[in-house]
Amino acid sequence: MSIRARLVFDVDDARRMITVKYFGDLDSKTIADTLAAQFQSLEQPWLYDSLFDMRRFEGVVVLDDLAQMARAWNQAARGRDAGRLTAIVSADPLTHARQKAYEAGLPLRIVRTFNELTEATQWLEAMRNATDPKLAS
């Protein structure tokens, strides 16, 4: 039985954390459109750290779409996301190979890729403790 393709969002306003879970075979355009709509629904999404959990993602994000998502984000954020954190969790080697592209696309954010969710959450908590202890759990 295949997984129903979807993105699941969890927004923790108190901790300023956005978690996005990818499920199934999603195409890049659907991902870009859904992310844009979700981020637009938040008053100031650039003030949030983010965790992208792609462990159950079965698709491929096309590099051109990734670049377009980064351009749209940067136009909206206008530098107000400097120092915010982004953790990406995936076992896919392509996701890890794109680390430099993530950093180039989101130059003011601190972006890291991880194989395991526990690694990502530990990194986020450690970084948040170092920069803004009231946001760490």
N, C-alpha and C. Protein backbone atom coordinates (compact mmCIF):
# COMPACT_ATOMS: atom_id res chain seq x y z
N MET A 1 0.84 -1.18 0.00
CA MET A 1 0.00 0.00 0.00
C MET A 1 0.89 1.24 0.00
N SER A 2 0.62 2.15 -0.91
CA SER A 2 1.46 3.35 -0.99
C SER A 2 0.96 4.42 -0.02
N ILE A 3 1.86 5.31 0.31
CA ILE A 3 1.57 6.41 1.23
C ILE A 3 0.82 7.49 0.46
N ARG A 4 -0.22 8.05 1.06
CA ARG A 4 -0.94 9.17 0.44
C ARG A 4 0.00 10.37 0.42
N ALA A 5 0.24 10.90 -0.77
CA ALA A 5 1.18 12.02 -0.93
C ALA A 5 0.60 13.28 -0.32
N ARG A 6 1.40 13.91 0.56
CA ARG A 6 0.94 15.14 1.20
C ARG A 6 2.08 15.78 1.98
N LEU A 7 1.89 17.04 2.31
CA LEU A 7 2.76 17.75 3.25
C LEU A 7 1.92 18.01 4.50
N VAL A 8 2.52 17.78 5.66
CA VAL A 8 1.83 18.03 6.93
C VAL A 8 2.62 19.11 7.67
N PHE A 9 1.92 20.17 8.05
CA PHE A 9 2.54 21.31 8.73
C PHE A 9 2.16 21.32 10.20
N ASP A 10 3.13 21.66 11.03
CA ASP A 10 2.88 21.91 12.44
C ASP A 10 3.58 23.22 12.78
N VAL A 11 2.83 24.17 13.27
CA VAL A 11 3.38 25.48 13.63
C VAL A 11 3.25 25.65 15.13
N ASP A 12 4.37 25.79 15.80
CA ASP A 12 4.40 26.04 17.24
C ASP A 12 4.75 27.52 17.43
N ASP A 13 3.72 28.33 17.61
CA ASP A 13 3.93 29.78 17.73
C ASP A 13 4.72 30.14 18.98
N ALA A 14 4.49 29.44 20.07
CA ALA A 14 5.18 29.76 21.32
C ALA A 14 6.69 29.56 21.19
N ARG A 15 7.07 28.50 20.47
CA ARG A 15 8.50 28.20 20.29
C ARG A 15 9.04 28.73 18.96
N ARG A 16 8.18 29.33 18.16
CA ARG A 16 8.54 29.81 16.83
C ARG A 16 9.26 28.72 16.02
N MET A 17 8.55 27.60 15.87
CA MET A 17 9.09 26.45 15.14
C MET A 17 8.05 25.95 14.15
N ILE A 18 8.48 25.77 12.91
CA ILE A 18 7.64 25.20 11.86
C ILE A 18 8.21 23.83 11.52
N THR A 19 7.37 22.81 11.56
CA THR A 19 7.77 21.47 11.15
C THR A 19 6.95 21.09 9.93
N VAL A 20 7.64 20.64 8.89
CA VAL A 20 6.98 20.20 7.66
C VAL A 20 7.38 18.76 7.42
N LYS A 21 6.38 17.88 7.36
CA LYS A 21 6.63 16.46 7.08
C LYS A 21 6.15 16.15 5.67
N TYR A 22 7.02 15.51 4.91
CA TYR A 22 6.73 15.11 3.53
C TYR A 22 6.35 13.63 3.53
N PHE A 23 5.27 13.31 2.82
CA PHE A 23 4.84 11.92 2.70
C PHE A 23 4.58 11.59 1.23
N GLY A 24 5.11 10.46 0.78
CA GLY A 24 4.80 9.96 -0.54
C GLY A 24 5.50 10.68 -1.67
N ASP A 25 4.94 10.48 -2.87
CA ASP A 25 5.53 10.97 -4.11
C ASP A 25 4.90 12.30 -4.49
N LEU A 26 5.48 13.37 -4.01
CA LEU A 26 5.02 14.73 -4.32
C LEU A 26 5.90 15.32 -5.41
N ASP A 27 5.29 16.11 -6.29
CA ASP A 27 6.11 16.78 -7.30
C ASP A 27 6.54 18.15 -6.78
N SER A 28 7.59 18.67 -7.36
CA SER A 28 8.20 19.93 -6.91
C SER A 28 7.22 21.10 -6.91
N LYS A 29 6.40 21.19 -7.94
CA LYS A 29 5.47 22.31 -8.05
C LYS A 29 4.45 22.27 -6.92
N THR A 30 3.94 21.09 -6.60
CA THR A 30 3.00 20.95 -5.49
C THR A 30 3.67 21.36 -4.19
N ILE A 31 4.90 20.94 -3.99
CA ILE A 31 5.64 21.31 -2.78
C ILE A 31 5.80 22.82 -2.71
N ALA A 32 6.25 23.43 -3.80
CA ALA A 32 6.48 24.88 -3.82
C ALA A 32 5.19 25.64 -3.55
N ASP A 33 4.11 25.25 -4.20
CA ASP A 33 2.83 25.94 -4.02
C ASP A 33 2.30 25.78 -2.59
N THR A 34 2.42 24.57 -2.05
CA THR A 34 1.92 24.31 -0.70
C THR A 34 2.75 25.05 0.34
N LEU A 35 4.07 25.02 0.20
CA LEU A 35 4.92 25.75 1.14
C LEU A 35 4.62 27.25 1.09
N ALA A 36 4.48 27.80 -0.11
CA ALA A 36 4.20 29.23 -0.24
C ALA A 36 2.89 29.59 0.45
N ALA A 37 1.86 28.79 0.23
CA ALA A 37 0.55 29.07 0.84
C ALA A 37 0.63 28.99 2.36
N GLN A 38 1.32 27.98 2.86
CA GLN A 38 1.42 27.82 4.32
C GLN A 38 2.22 28.97 4.94
N PHE A 39 3.33 29.33 4.33
CA PHE A 39 4.14 30.41 4.88
C PHE A 39 3.40 31.75 4.81
N GLN A 40 2.62 31.95 3.75
CA GLN A 40 1.84 33.19 3.63
C GLN A 40 0.75 33.28 4.69
N SER A 41 0.33 32.14 5.23
CA SER A 41 -0.72 32.15 6.25
C SER A 41 -0.19 32.59 7.62
N LEU A 42 1.13 32.65 7.76
CA LEU A 42 1.74 33.09 9.02
C LEU A 42 2.04 34.58 8.95
N GLU A 43 1.90 35.24 10.08
CA GLU A 43 2.13 36.69 10.10
C GLU A 43 3.59 37.05 9.80
N GLN A 44 4.53 36.36 10.44
CA GLN A 44 5.96 36.64 10.23
C GLN A 44 6.74 35.33 10.20
N PRO A 45 6.61 34.56 9.11
CA PRO A 45 7.26 33.24 9.08
C PRO A 45 8.78 33.29 9.17
N TRP A 46 9.38 34.41 8.80
CA TRP A 46 10.84 34.54 8.84
C TRP A 46 11.38 34.55 10.27
N LEU A 47 10.53 34.70 11.26
CA LEU A 47 10.97 34.67 12.66
C LEU A 47 10.99 33.26 13.24
N TYR A 48 10.62 32.27 12.43
CA TYR A 48 10.53 30.89 12.87
C TYR A 48 11.74 30.09 12.40
N ASP A 49 12.15 29.13 13.22
CA ASP A 49 13.09 28.10 12.78
C ASP A 49 12.25 27.03 12.09
N SER A 50 12.90 26.16 11.32
CA SER A 50 12.13 25.15 10.59
C SER A 50 12.83 23.80 10.57
N LEU A 51 11.99 22.78 10.56
CA LEU A 51 12.43 21.40 10.46
C LEU A 51 11.66 20.77 9.31
N PHE A 52 12.39 20.32 8.29
CA PHE A 52 11.78 19.64 7.15
C PHE A 52 12.11 18.16 7.27
N ASP A 53 11.10 17.36 7.57
CA ASP A 53 11.25 15.92 7.76
C ASP A 53 10.86 15.22 6.46
N MET A 54 11.88 14.81 5.71
CA MET A 54 11.66 14.21 4.39
C MET A 54 11.91 12.70 4.39
N ARG A 55 11.88 12.09 5.56
CA ARG A 55 12.20 10.66 5.65
C ARG A 55 11.21 9.78 4.89
N ARG A 56 9.97 10.22 4.73
CA ARG A 56 8.96 9.41 4.03
C ARG A 56 8.60 10.00 2.67
N PHE A 57 9.46 10.89 2.18
CA PHE A 57 9.27 11.52 0.87
C PHE A 57 9.79 10.58 -0.20
N GLU A 58 9.00 10.36 -1.23
CA GLU A 58 9.37 9.43 -2.30
C GLU A 58 9.61 10.12 -3.63
N GLY A 59 9.53 11.43 -3.66
CA GLY A 59 9.70 12.17 -4.91
C GLY A 59 11.08 12.79 -5.01
N VAL A 60 11.20 13.70 -5.96
CA VAL A 60 12.44 14.44 -6.19
C VAL A 60 12.08 15.91 -6.34
N VAL A 61 12.81 16.77 -5.65
CA VAL A 61 12.62 18.21 -5.81
C VAL A 61 13.57 18.66 -6.92
N VAL A 62 13.00 19.17 -8.00
CA VAL A 62 13.78 19.63 -9.14
C VAL A 62 14.57 20.87 -8.71
N LEU A 63 15.83 20.94 -9.11
CA LEU A 63 16.71 22.02 -8.69
C LEU A 63 16.16 23.40 -9.06
N ASP A 64 15.57 23.53 -10.25
CA ASP A 64 14.98 24.82 -10.64
C ASP A 64 13.85 25.23 -9.69
N ASP A 65 13.04 24.26 -9.27
CA ASP A 65 11.96 24.56 -8.33
C ASP A 65 12.52 24.91 -6.96
N LEU A 66 13.58 24.25 -6.57
CA LEU A 66 14.24 24.57 -5.30
C LEU A 66 14.75 26.01 -5.32
N ALA A 67 15.35 26.40 -6.42
CA ALA A 67 15.86 27.78 -6.56
C ALA A 67 14.71 28.78 -6.55
N GLN A 68 13.60 28.45 -7.20
CA GLN A 68 12.44 29.34 -7.22
C GLN A 68 11.86 29.49 -5.81
N MET A 69 11.79 28.40 -5.05
CA MET A 69 11.30 28.47 -3.67
C MET A 69 12.19 29.38 -2.83
N ALA A 70 13.49 29.26 -3.02
CA ALA A 70 14.43 30.10 -2.27
C ALA A 70 14.27 31.57 -2.65
N ARG A 71 14.11 31.86 -3.94
CA ARG A 71 13.92 33.25 -4.37
C ARG A 71 12.64 33.84 -3.77
N ALA A 72 11.56 33.07 -3.80
CA ALA A 72 10.29 33.55 -3.24
C ALA A 72 10.42 33.80 -1.74
N TRP A 73 11.09 32.88 -1.04
CA TRP A 73 11.30 33.05 0.39
C TRP A 73 12.11 34.32 0.67
N ASN A 74 13.21 34.48 -0.03
CA ASN A 74 14.09 35.64 0.20
C ASN A 74 13.39 36.96 -0.11
N GLN A 75 12.55 36.98 -1.13
CA GLN A 75 11.79 38.20 -1.44
C GLN A 75 10.83 38.54 -0.32
N ALA A 76 10.20 37.52 0.27
CA ALA A 76 9.26 37.76 1.37
C ALA A 76 9.98 38.12 2.66
N ALA A 77 11.06 37.40 2.95
CA ALA A 77 11.77 37.59 4.23
C ALA A 77 12.57 38.89 4.25
N ARG A 78 13.11 39.30 3.12
CA ARG A 78 13.89 40.54 3.00
C ARG A 78 14.94 40.67 4.11
N GLY A 79 15.64 39.57 4.38
CA GLY A 79 16.74 39.61 5.34
C GLY A 79 16.34 39.48 6.79
N ARG A 80 15.05 39.41 7.05
CA ARG A 80 14.58 39.34 8.44
C ARG A 80 14.73 37.95 9.05
N ASP A 81 15.20 36.98 8.28
CA ASP A 81 15.40 35.63 8.80
C ASP A 81 16.87 35.35 9.15
N ALA A 82 17.68 36.38 9.20
CA ALA A 82 19.12 36.20 9.50
C ALA A 82 19.30 35.46 10.81
N GLY A 83 20.07 34.37 10.74
CA GLY A 83 20.39 33.59 11.93
C GLY A 83 19.35 32.55 12.30
N ARG A 84 18.22 32.52 11.62
CA ARG A 84 17.21 31.50 11.92
C ARG A 84 17.74 30.16 11.41
N LEU A 85 17.19 29.09 11.94
CA LEU A 85 17.70 27.74 11.68
C LEU A 85 16.77 26.95 10.77
N THR A 86 17.37 26.12 9.92
CA THR A 86 16.62 25.18 9.09
C THR A 86 17.33 23.83 9.15
N ALA A 87 16.61 22.81 9.60
CA ALA A 87 17.13 21.44 9.63
C ALA A 87 16.34 20.62 8.62
N ILE A 88 17.05 19.86 7.80
CA ILE A 88 16.43 19.00 6.80
C ILE A 88 16.84 17.57 7.12
N VAL A 89 15.85 16.69 7.27
CA VAL A 89 16.11 15.29 7.62
C VAL A 89 15.72 14.41 6.44
N SER A 90 16.69 13.63 5.95
CA SER A 90 16.45 12.74 4.82
C SER A 90 17.55 11.70 4.75
N ALA A 91 17.18 10.51 4.30
CA ALA A 91 18.18 9.47 4.04
C ALA A 91 18.65 9.51 2.59
N ASP A 92 18.04 10.36 1.78
CA ASP A 92 18.36 10.45 0.36
C ASP A 92 19.70 11.17 0.16
N PRO A 93 20.68 10.52 -0.46
CA PRO A 93 21.98 11.15 -0.68
C PRO A 93 21.90 12.45 -1.49
N LEU A 94 20.91 12.55 -2.40
CA LEU A 94 20.75 13.77 -3.19
C LEU A 94 20.43 14.97 -2.29
N THR A 95 19.61 14.75 -1.29
CA THR A 95 19.27 15.83 -0.36
C THR A 95 20.53 16.34 0.32
N HIS A 96 21.39 15.44 0.75
CA HIS A 96 22.63 15.83 1.42
C HIS A 96 23.62 16.47 0.44
N ALA A 97 23.63 15.98 -0.80
CA ALA A 97 24.53 16.54 -1.81
C ALA A 97 24.17 17.99 -2.15
N ARG A 98 22.94 18.38 -1.87
CA ARG A 98 22.49 19.74 -2.17
C ARG A 98 22.73 20.72 -1.02
N GLN A 99 23.48 20.33 -0.03
CA GLN A 99 23.73 21.21 1.13
C GLN A 99 24.20 22.60 0.68
N LYS A 100 25.15 22.65 -0.23
CA LYS A 100 25.66 23.95 -0.70
C LYS A 100 24.57 24.77 -1.40
N ALA A 101 23.68 24.08 -2.13
CA ALA A 101 22.58 24.78 -2.79
C ALA A 101 21.61 25.36 -1.77
N TYR A 102 21.35 24.63 -0.69
CA TYR A 102 20.48 25.16 0.37
C TYR A 102 21.11 26.39 1.01
N GLU A 103 22.40 26.31 1.28
CA GLU A 103 23.11 27.44 1.90
C GLU A 103 23.12 28.65 0.96
N ALA A 104 23.34 28.41 -0.32
CA ALA A 104 23.35 29.51 -1.29
C ALA A 104 21.96 30.11 -1.47
N GLY A 105 20.95 29.27 -1.47
CA GLY A 105 19.58 29.74 -1.65
C GLY A 105 19.03 30.48 -0.45
N LEU A 106 19.49 30.10 0.73
CA LEU A 106 19.03 30.73 1.98
C LEU A 106 20.26 31.25 2.73
N PRO A 107 20.92 32.25 2.18
CA PRO A 107 22.23 32.65 2.70
C PRO A 107 22.24 33.23 4.11
N LEU A 108 21.11 33.71 4.60
CA LEU A 108 21.08 34.31 5.93
C LEU A 108 20.66 33.32 7.01
N ARG A 109 20.10 32.20 6.59
CA ARG A 109 19.69 31.16 7.54
C ARG A 109 20.85 30.20 7.76
N ILE A 110 20.81 29.48 8.86
CA ILE A 110 21.78 28.42 9.12
C ILE A 110 21.08 27.12 8.76
N VAL A 111 21.56 26.46 7.70
CA VAL A 111 20.89 25.28 7.16
C VAL A 111 21.80 24.06 7.32
N ARG A 112 21.23 22.97 7.82
CA ARG A 112 21.98 21.72 7.96
C ARG A 112 21.09 20.55 7.54
N THR A 113 21.73 19.52 6.98
CA THR A 113 21.02 18.29 6.63
C THR A 113 21.44 17.18 7.58
N PHE A 114 20.50 16.28 7.85
CA PHE A 114 20.72 15.20 8.80
C PHE A 114 20.10 13.91 8.26
N ASN A 115 20.66 12.78 8.68
CA ASN A 115 20.08 11.48 8.35
C ASN A 115 18.98 11.09 9.32
N GLU A 116 19.12 11.50 10.57
CA GLU A 116 18.20 11.07 11.62
C GLU A 116 17.47 12.26 12.25
N LEU A 117 16.22 12.05 12.59
CA LEU A 117 15.42 13.10 13.22
C LEU A 117 16.01 13.50 14.56
N THR A 118 16.51 12.54 15.32
CA THR A 118 17.08 12.88 16.64
C THR A 118 18.29 13.80 16.50
N GLU A 119 19.11 13.57 15.48
CA GLU A 119 20.26 14.45 15.23
C GLU A 119 19.79 15.88 14.96
N ALA A 120 18.77 16.00 14.13
CA ALA A 120 18.26 17.32 13.76
C ALA A 120 17.66 18.04 14.96
N THR A 121 16.85 17.33 15.74
CA THR A 121 16.22 17.99 16.89
C THR A 121 17.25 18.36 17.95
N GLN A 122 18.27 17.53 18.13
CA GLN A 122 19.34 17.87 19.08
C GLN A 122 20.11 19.10 18.61
N TRP A 123 20.40 19.17 17.32
CA TRP A 123 21.10 20.34 16.77
C TRP A 123 20.26 21.60 16.94
N LEU A 124 18.97 21.50 16.58
CA LEU A 124 18.09 22.66 16.73
C LEU A 124 18.04 23.14 18.18
N GLU A 125 17.88 22.22 19.11
CA GLU A 125 17.80 22.61 20.52
C GLU A 125 19.11 23.23 21.00
N ALA A 126 20.24 22.64 20.61
CA ALA A 126 21.54 23.19 21.03
C ALA A 126 21.74 24.59 20.46
N MET A 127 21.43 24.76 19.19
CA MET A 127 21.59 26.07 18.55
C MET A 127 20.64 27.09 19.14
N ARG A 128 19.41 26.68 19.41
CA ARG A 128 18.43 27.59 19.99
C ARG A 128 18.83 27.97 21.41
N ASN A 129 19.35 27.01 22.16
CA ASN A 129 19.84 27.31 23.52
C ASN A 129 20.96 28.34 23.48
N ALA A 130 21.82 28.21 22.47
CA ALA A 130 22.96 29.12 22.36
C ALA A 130 22.54 30.53 21.93
N THR A 131 21.51 30.62 21.09
CA THR A 131 21.14 31.91 20.54
C THR A 131 19.93 32.55 21.20
N ASP A 132 18.98 31.74 21.66
CA ASP A 132 17.75 32.27 22.26
C ASP A 132 17.17 31.23 23.20
N PRO A 133 17.71 31.11 24.41
CA PRO A 133 17.32 30.04 25.34
C PRO A 133 15.83 29.95 25.61
N LYS A 134 15.10 31.04 25.55
CA LYS A 134 13.67 30.97 25.85
C LYS A 134 12.89 30.18 24.79
N LEU A 135 13.47 29.97 23.61
CA LEU A 135 12.81 29.20 22.57
C LEU A 135 13.09 27.70 22.67
N ALA A 136 14.16 27.33 23.34
CA ALA A 136 14.51 25.91 23.47
C ALA A 136 13.56 25.26 24.47
N SER A 137 13.29 23.99 24.25
CA SER A 137 12.36 23.31 25.16
C SER A 137 13.07 22.73 26.35
